[in-house]
Amino acid sequence: MRVAKGKVVAGKVVVEGAPLEEGAAVTVLAPEDAETFELGPAEEAELLAAIADAERGDLVEGSDVIAKLSSRD
C-alpha cells in the first residue's frame, strides 16, 4: 500500500512521484472547495497500518462502532 499525492489535469488524476502500475485500484479523497489536510509521518504510518489491518480482514462492524459511540452519552 502506498499513499500518493496528485492533482487533476485535463480531467485526469496525475500522481506525483513514481507512476502507479497500469490497472492499479486507487481511492481518491477530494477535499471540498478550499478544504485541505496534511498527514505528518505519524499519521501517515497510522493510516497505512489501519489499511493493512483492513486488508487482512481485521475489521470492526459499523453497528459495533455506533453502539460504542452511543454508550458514551
PDB file of N, CA and C in Angstrom:
ATOM      1  N   MET A   1       0.865  -1.176   0.000  1.00  0.00           N
ATOM      2  CA  MET A   1       0.000   0.000   0.000  1.00  0.00           C
ATOM      3  C   MET A   1       0.902   1.226   0.000  1.00  0.00           C
ATOM      4  N   ARG A   2       0.476   2.213  -0.748  1.00  0.00           N
ATOM      5  CA  ARG A   2       1.270   3.443  -0.816  1.00  0.00           C
ATOM      6  C   ARG A   2       0.317   4.629  -0.839  1.00  0.00           C
ATOM      7  N   VAL A   3       0.703   5.700  -0.199  1.00  0.00           N
ATOM      8  CA  VAL A   3      -0.058   6.942  -0.233  1.00  0.00           C
ATOM      9  C   VAL A   3       0.633   7.856  -1.237  1.00  0.00           C
ATOM     10  N   ALA A   4      -0.125   8.405  -2.170  1.00  0.00           N
ATOM     11  CA  ALA A   4       0.450   9.270  -3.190  1.00  0.00           C
ATOM     12  C   ALA A   4      -0.398  10.529  -3.310  1.00  0.00           C
ATOM     13  N   LYS A   5       0.249  11.624  -3.629  1.00  0.00           N
ATOM     14  CA  LYS A   5      -0.454  12.882  -3.875  1.00  0.00           C
ATOM     15  C   LYS A   5      -0.531  13.110  -5.373  1.00  0.00           C
ATOM     16  N   GLY A   6      -1.478  13.911  -5.786  1.00  0.00           N
ATOM     17  CA  GLY A   6      -1.597  14.241  -7.189  1.00  0.00           C
ATOM     18  C   GLY A   6      -2.572  15.377  -7.372  1.00  0.00           C
ATOM     19  N   LYS A   7      -2.881  15.696  -8.621  1.00  0.00           N
ATOM     20  CA  LYS A   7      -3.882  16.717  -8.905  1.00  0.00           C
ATOM     21  C   LYS A   7      -4.560  16.379 -10.225  1.00  0.00           C
ATOM     22  N   VAL A   8      -5.683  16.994 -10.443  1.00  0.00           N
ATOM     23  CA  VAL A   8      -6.437  16.752 -11.666  1.00  0.00           C
ATOM     24  C   VAL A   8      -5.915  17.690 -12.747  1.00  0.00           C
ATOM     25  N   VAL A   9      -5.549  17.112 -13.894  1.00  0.00           N
ATOM     26  CA  VAL A   9      -5.068  17.869 -15.048  1.00  0.00           C
ATOM     27  C   VAL A   9      -5.852  17.368 -16.252  1.00  0.00           C
ATOM     28  N   ALA A  10      -6.566  18.271 -16.887  1.00  0.00           N
ATOM     29  CA  ALA A  10      -7.372  17.924 -18.066  1.00  0.00           C
ATOM     30  C   ALA A  10      -8.332  16.775 -17.754  1.00  0.00           C
ATOM     31  N   GLY A  11      -8.899  16.809 -16.547  1.00  0.00           N
ATOM     32  CA  GLY A  11      -9.900  15.825 -16.171  1.00  0.00           C
ATOM     33  C   GLY A  11      -9.359  14.481 -15.710  1.00  0.00           C
ATOM     34  N   LYS A  12      -8.033  14.340 -15.601  1.00  0.00           N
ATOM     35  CA  LYS A  12      -7.425  13.089 -15.162  1.00  0.00           C
ATOM     36  C   LYS A  12      -6.555  13.341 -13.940  1.00  0.00           C
ATOM     37  N   VAL A  13      -6.498  12.349 -13.044  1.00  0.00           N
ATOM     38  CA  VAL A  13      -5.657  12.464 -11.863  1.00  0.00           C
ATOM     39  C   VAL A  13      -4.219  12.141 -12.250  1.00  0.00           C
ATOM     40  N   VAL A  14      -3.321  13.086 -11.990  1.00  0.00           N
ATOM     41  CA  VAL A  14      -1.898  12.909 -12.262  1.00  0.00           C
ATOM     42  C   VAL A  14      -1.204  12.768 -10.919  1.00  0.00           C
ATOM     43  N   VAL A  15      -0.565  11.619 -10.704  1.00  0.00           N
ATOM     44  CA  VAL A  15       0.066  11.313  -9.432  1.00  0.00           C
ATOM     45  C   VAL A  15       1.508  11.778  -9.432  1.00  0.00           C
ATOM     46  N   GLU A  16       1.918  12.396  -8.311  1.00  0.00           N
ATOM     47  CA  GLU A  16       3.306  12.826  -8.165  1.00  0.00           C
ATOM     48  C   GLU A  16       4.183  11.607  -7.892  1.00  0.00           C
ATOM     49  N   GLY A  17       5.459  11.685  -8.253  1.00  0.00           N
ATOM     50  CA  GLY A  17       6.398  10.604  -7.970  1.00  0.00           C
ATOM     51  C   GLY A  17       6.313   9.481  -8.987  1.00  0.00           C
ATOM     52  N   ALA A  18       6.731   8.295  -8.535  1.00  0.00           N
ATOM     53  CA  ALA A  18       6.756   7.129  -9.422  1.00  0.00           C
ATOM     54  C   ALA A  18       5.340   6.796  -9.877  1.00  0.00           C
ATOM     55  N   PRO A  19       5.176   6.432 -11.143  1.00  0.00           N
ATOM     56  CA  PRO A  19       3.836   6.116 -11.639  1.00  0.00           C
ATOM     57  C   PRO A  19       3.279   4.844 -11.006  1.00  0.00           C
ATOM     58  N   LEU A  20       1.969   4.771 -10.929  1.00  0.00           N
ATOM     59  CA  LEU A  20       1.296   3.566 -10.454  1.00  0.00           C
ATOM     60  C   LEU A  20       1.268   2.549 -11.584  1.00  0.00           C
ATOM     61  N   GLU A  21       1.145   1.271 -11.202  1.00  0.00           N
ATOM     62  CA  GLU A  21       1.067   0.227 -12.218  1.00  0.00           C
ATOM     63  C   GLU A  21      -0.232   0.365 -12.997  1.00  0.00           C
ATOM     64  N   GLU A  22      -0.184   0.057 -14.284  1.00  0.00           N
ATOM     65  CA  GLU A  22      -1.385   0.088 -15.118  1.00  0.00           C
ATOM     66  C   GLU A  22      -2.436  -0.843 -14.511  1.00  0.00           C
ATOM     67  N   GLY A  23      -3.650  -0.344 -14.372  1.00  0.00           N
ATOM     68  CA  GLY A  23      -4.741  -1.138 -13.817  1.00  0.00           C
ATOM     69  C   GLY A  23      -4.804  -1.151 -12.301  1.00  0.00           C
ATOM     70  N   ALA A  24      -3.921  -0.406 -11.632  1.00  0.00           N
ATOM     71  CA  ALA A  24      -3.921  -0.368 -10.166  1.00  0.00           C
ATOM     72  C   ALA A  24      -5.243   0.215  -9.666  1.00  0.00           C
ATOM     73  N   ALA A  25      -5.791  -0.393  -8.622  1.00  0.00           N
ATOM     74  CA  ALA A  25      -7.004   0.137  -7.993  1.00  0.00           C
ATOM     75  C   ALA A  25      -6.591   1.271  -7.068  1.00  0.00           C
ATOM     76  N   VAL A  26      -7.307   2.376  -7.128  1.00  0.00           N
ATOM     77  CA  VAL A  26      -6.978   3.543  -6.304  1.00  0.00           C
ATOM     78  C   VAL A  26      -8.236   4.069  -5.615  1.00  0.00           C
ATOM     79  N   THR A  27      -8.021   4.784  -4.521  1.00  0.00           N
ATOM     80  CA  THR A  27      -9.086   5.504  -3.839  1.00  0.00           C
ATOM     81  C   THR A  27      -8.708   6.972  -3.854  1.00  0.00           C
ATOM     82  N   VAL A  28      -9.624   7.815  -4.236  1.00  0.00           N
ATOM     83  CA  VAL A  28      -9.349   9.247  -4.317  1.00  0.00           C
ATOM     84  C   VAL A  28     -10.174   9.963  -3.255  1.00  0.00           C
ATOM     85  N   LEU A  29      -9.514  10.744  -2.412  1.00  0.00           N
ATOM     86  CA  LEU A  29     -10.181  11.600  -1.443  1.00  0.00           C
ATOM     87  C   LEU A  29     -10.024  13.030  -1.951  1.00  0.00           C
ATOM     88  N   ALA A  30     -11.113  13.670  -2.278  1.00  0.00           N
ATOM     89  CA  ALA A  30     -11.054  15.023  -2.819  1.00  0.00           C
ATOM     90  C   ALA A  30     -11.618  16.002  -1.802  1.00  0.00           C
ATOM     91  N   PRO A  31     -10.827  16.986  -1.387  1.00  0.00           N
ATOM     92  CA  PRO A  31     -11.327  17.978  -0.442  1.00  0.00           C
ATOM     93  C   PRO A  31     -12.411  18.840  -1.075  1.00  0.00           C
ATOM     94  N   GLU A  32     -13.309  19.301  -0.238  1.00  0.00           N
ATOM     95  CA  GLU A  32     -14.362  20.204  -0.693  1.00  0.00           C
ATOM     96  C   GLU A  32     -13.789  21.614  -0.816  1.00  0.00           C
ATOM     97  N   ASP A  33     -14.037  22.282  -1.910  1.00  0.00           N
ATOM     98  CA  ASP A  33     -13.624  23.661  -2.162  1.00  0.00           C
ATOM     99  C   ASP A  33     -12.177  23.883  -1.729  1.00  0.00           C
ATOM    100  N   ALA A  34     -11.955  24.772  -0.754  1.00  0.00           N
ATOM    101  CA  ALA A  34     -10.607  25.122  -0.322  1.00  0.00           C
ATOM    102  C   ALA A  34     -10.126  24.242   0.832  1.00  0.00           C
ATOM    103  N   GLU A  35     -10.891  23.209   1.176  1.00  0.00           N
ATOM    104  CA  GLU A  35     -10.527  22.333   2.279  1.00  0.00           C
ATOM    105  C   GLU A  35      -9.272  21.526   1.924  1.00  0.00           C
ATOM    106  N   THR A  36      -8.325  21.489   2.826  1.00  0.00           N
ATOM    107  CA  THR A  36      -7.120  20.689   2.628  1.00  0.00           C
ATOM    108  C   THR A  36      -6.780  19.969   3.926  1.00  0.00           C
ATOM    109  N   PHE A  37      -5.932  18.978   3.829  1.00  0.00           N
ATOM    110  CA  PHE A  37      -5.416  18.331   5.020  1.00  0.00           C
ATOM    111  C   PHE A  37      -4.022  17.806   4.719  1.00  0.00           C
ATOM    112  N   GLU A  38      -3.246  17.697   5.749  1.00  0.00           N
ATOM    113  CA  GLU A  38      -1.887  17.188   5.627  1.00  0.00           C
ATOM    114  C   GLU A  38      -1.715  16.077   6.647  1.00  0.00           C
ATOM    115  N   LEU A  39      -0.997  15.061   6.292  1.00  0.00           N
ATOM    116  CA  LEU A  39      -0.653  13.995   7.220  1.00  0.00           C
ATOM    117  C   LEU A  39       0.828  14.101   7.547  1.00  0.00           C
ATOM    118  N   GLY A  40       1.118  14.102   8.832  1.00  0.00           N
ATOM    119  CA  GLY A  40       2.505  14.028   9.249  1.00  0.00           C
ATOM    120  C   GLY A  40       2.971  12.587   9.174  1.00  0.00           C
ATOM    121  N   PRO A  41       4.242  12.331   9.401  1.00  0.00           N
ATOM    122  CA  PRO A  41       4.756  10.965   9.318  1.00  0.00           C
ATOM    123  C   PRO A  41       4.024   9.988  10.251  1.00  0.00           C
ATOM    124  N   ALA A  42       3.688  10.413  11.453  1.00  0.00           N
ATOM    125  CA  ALA A  42       2.996   9.530  12.400  1.00  0.00           C
ATOM    126  C   ALA A  42       1.583   9.207  11.919  1.00  0.00           C
ATOM    127  N   GLU A  43       0.869  10.222  11.421  1.00  0.00           N
ATOM    128  CA  GLU A  43      -0.495   9.991  10.914  1.00  0.00           C
ATOM    129  C   GLU A  43      -0.488   9.106   9.671  1.00  0.00           C
ATOM    130  N   GLU A  44       0.486   9.329   8.794  1.00  0.00           N
ATOM    131  CA  GLU A  44       0.573   8.505   7.592  1.00  0.00           C
ATOM    132  C   GLU A  44       0.853   7.048   7.964  1.00  0.00           C
ATOM    133  N   ALA A  45       1.747   6.833   8.935  1.00  0.00           N
ATOM    134  CA  ALA A  45       2.046   5.468   9.382  1.00  0.00           C
ATOM    135  C   ALA A  45       0.808   4.824   9.997  1.00  0.00           C
ATOM    136  N   GLU A  46       0.050   5.598  10.774  1.00  0.00           N
ATOM    137  CA  GLU A  46      -1.180   5.076  11.384  1.00  0.00           C
ATOM    138  C   GLU A  46      -2.215   4.717  10.313  1.00  0.00           C
ATOM    139  N   LEU A  47      -2.361   5.567   9.316  1.00  0.00           N
ATOM    140  CA  LEU A  47      -3.285   5.299   8.223  1.00  0.00           C
ATOM    141  C   LEU A  47      -2.893   4.034   7.463  1.00  0.00           C
ATOM    142  N   LEU A  48      -1.615   3.899   7.136  1.00  0.00           N
ATOM    143  CA  LEU A  48      -1.153   2.717   6.417  1.00  0.00           C
ATOM    144  C   LEU A  48      -1.333   1.451   7.246  1.00  0.00           C
ATOM    145  N   ALA A  49      -1.124   1.543   8.568  1.00  0.00           N
ATOM    146  CA  ALA A  49      -1.342   0.385   9.447  1.00  0.00           C
ATOM    147  C   ALA A  49      -2.817   0.003   9.466  1.00  0.00           C
ATOM    148  N   ALA A  50      -3.704   0.997   9.502  1.00  0.00           N
ATOM    149  CA  ALA A  50      -5.142   0.723   9.502  1.00  0.00           C
ATOM    150  C   ALA A  50      -5.574   0.094   8.175  1.00  0.00           C
ATOM    151  N   ILE A  51      -5.018   0.560   7.082  1.00  0.00           N
ATOM    152  CA  ILE A  51      -5.332  -0.019   5.777  1.00  0.00           C
ATOM    153  C   ILE A  51      -4.864  -1.478   5.729  1.00  0.00           C
ATOM    154  N   ALA A  52      -3.665  -1.738   6.262  1.00  0.00           N
ATOM    155  CA  ALA A  52      -3.156  -3.116   6.289  1.00  0.00           C
ATOM    156  C   ALA A  52      -4.065  -4.002   7.136  1.00  0.00           C
ATOM    157  N   ASP A  53      -4.543  -3.489   8.282  1.00  0.00           N
ATOM    158  CA  ASP A  53      -5.491  -4.244   9.116  1.00  0.00           C
ATOM    159  C   ASP A  53      -6.736  -4.596   8.314  1.00  0.00           C
ATOM    160  N   ALA A  54      -7.276  -3.625   7.604  1.00  0.00           N
ATOM    161  CA  ALA A  54      -8.491  -3.844   6.816  1.00  0.00           C
ATOM    162  C   ALA A  54      -8.251  -4.876   5.720  1.00  0.00           C
ATOM    163  N   GLU A  55      -7.100  -4.810   5.073  1.00  0.00           N
ATOM    164  CA  GLU A  55      -6.789  -5.772   4.014  1.00  0.00           C
ATOM    165  C   GLU A  55      -6.671  -7.192   4.553  1.00  0.00           C
ATOM    166  N   ARG A  56      -6.259  -7.335   5.828  1.00  0.00           N
ATOM    167  CA  ARG A  56      -6.178  -8.652   6.463  1.00  0.00           C
ATOM    168  C   ARG A  56      -7.539  -9.122   6.962  1.00  0.00           C
ATOM    169  N   GLY A  57      -8.537  -8.237   6.882  1.00  0.00           N
ATOM    170  CA  GLY A  57      -9.869  -8.591   7.369  1.00  0.00           C
ATOM    171  C   GLY A  57     -10.073  -8.285   8.833  1.00  0.00           C
ATOM    172  N   ASP A  58      -9.130  -7.589   9.449  1.00  0.00           N
ATOM    173  CA  ASP A  58      -9.228  -7.209  10.862  1.00  0.00           C
ATOM    174  C   ASP A  58     -10.069  -5.936  10.946  1.00  0.00           C
ATOM    175  N   LEU A  59     -11.389  -6.123  10.907  1.00  0.00           N
ATOM    176  CA  LEU A  59     -12.324  -5.004  10.830  1.00  0.00           C
ATOM    177  C   LEU A  59     -13.260  -4.984  12.030  1.00  0.00           C
ATOM    178  N   VAL A  60     -13.880  -3.841  12.252  1.00  0.00           N
ATOM    179  CA  VAL A  60     -14.922  -3.692  13.268  1.00  0.00           C
ATOM    180  C   VAL A  60     -16.213  -3.369  12.527  1.00  0.00           C
ATOM    181  N   GLU A  61     -17.278  -4.078  12.867  1.00  0.00           N
ATOM    182  CA  GLU A  61     -18.572  -3.833  12.232  1.00  0.00           C
ATOM    183  C   GLU A  61     -19.053  -2.418  12.554  1.00  0.00           C
ATOM    184  N   GLY A  62     -19.655  -1.759  11.570  1.00  0.00           N
ATOM    185  CA  GLY A  62     -20.176  -0.403  11.764  1.00  0.00           C
ATOM    186  C   GLY A  62     -21.179  -0.330  12.903  1.00  0.00           C
ATOM    187  N   SER A  63     -22.016  -1.346  13.032  1.00  0.00           N
ATOM    188  CA  SER A  63     -23.013  -1.353  14.115  1.00  0.00           C
ATOM    189  C   SER A  63     -22.343  -1.381  15.486  1.00  0.00           C
ATOM    190  N   ASP A  64     -21.189  -2.066  15.601  1.00  0.00           N
ATOM    191  CA  ASP A  64     -20.455  -2.093  16.870  1.00  0.00           C
ATOM    192  C   ASP A  64     -19.893  -0.713  17.200  1.00  0.00           C
ATOM    193  N   VAL A  65     -19.389  -0.018  16.186  1.00  0.00           N
ATOM    194  CA  VAL A  65     -18.855   1.331  16.395  1.00  0.00           C
ATOM    195  C   VAL A  65     -19.980   2.262  16.856  1.00  0.00           C
ATOM    196  N   ILE A  66     -21.121   2.199  16.191  1.00  0.00           N
ATOM    197  CA  ILE A  66     -22.253   3.068  16.548  1.00  0.00           C
ATOM    198  C   ILE A  66     -22.727   2.759  17.969  1.00  0.00           C
ATOM    199  N   ALA A  67     -22.809   1.488  18.320  1.00  0.00           N
ATOM    200  CA  ALA A  67     -23.222   1.105  19.678  1.00  0.00           C
ATOM    201  C   ALA A  67     -22.256   1.644  20.722  1.00  0.00           C
ATOM    202  N   LYS A  68     -20.969   1.547  20.431  1.00  0.00           N
ATOM    203  CA  LYS A  68     -19.955   2.048  21.369  1.00  0.00           C
ATOM    204  C   LYS A  68     -20.055   3.554  21.517  1.00  0.00           C
ATOM    205  N   LEU A  69     -20.237   4.265  20.401  1.00  0.00           N
ATOM    206  CA  LEU A  69     -20.370   5.716  20.450  1.00  0.00           C
ATOM    207  C   LEU A  69     -21.653   6.117  21.192  1.00  0.00           C
ATOM    208  N   SER A  70     -22.723   5.384  20.974  1.00  0.00           N
ATOM    209  CA  SER A  70     -23.988   5.688  21.624  1.00  0.00           C
ATOM    210  C   SER A  70     -23.916   5.482  23.134  1.00  0.00           C
ATOM    211  N   SER A  71     -23.096   4.534  23.577  1.00  0.00           N
ATOM    212  CA  SER A  71     -22.977   4.251  25.002  1.00  0.00           C
ATOM    213  C   SER A  71     -22.206   5.335  25.752  1.00  0.00           C
ATOM    214  N   ARG A  72     -21.549   6.239  25.040  1.00  0.00           N
ATOM    215  CA  ARG A  72     -20.790   7.334  25.663  1.00  0.00           C
ATOM    216  C   ARG A  72     -21.702   8.424  26.225  1.00  0.00           C
ATOM    217  N   ASP A  73     -22.959   8.478  25.780  1.00  0.00           N
ATOM    218  CA  ASP A  73     -23.868   9.552  26.215  1.00  0.00           C
ATOM    219  C   ASP A  73     -24.134   9.526  27.688  1.00  0.00           C
TER     220      ASP A  73
END
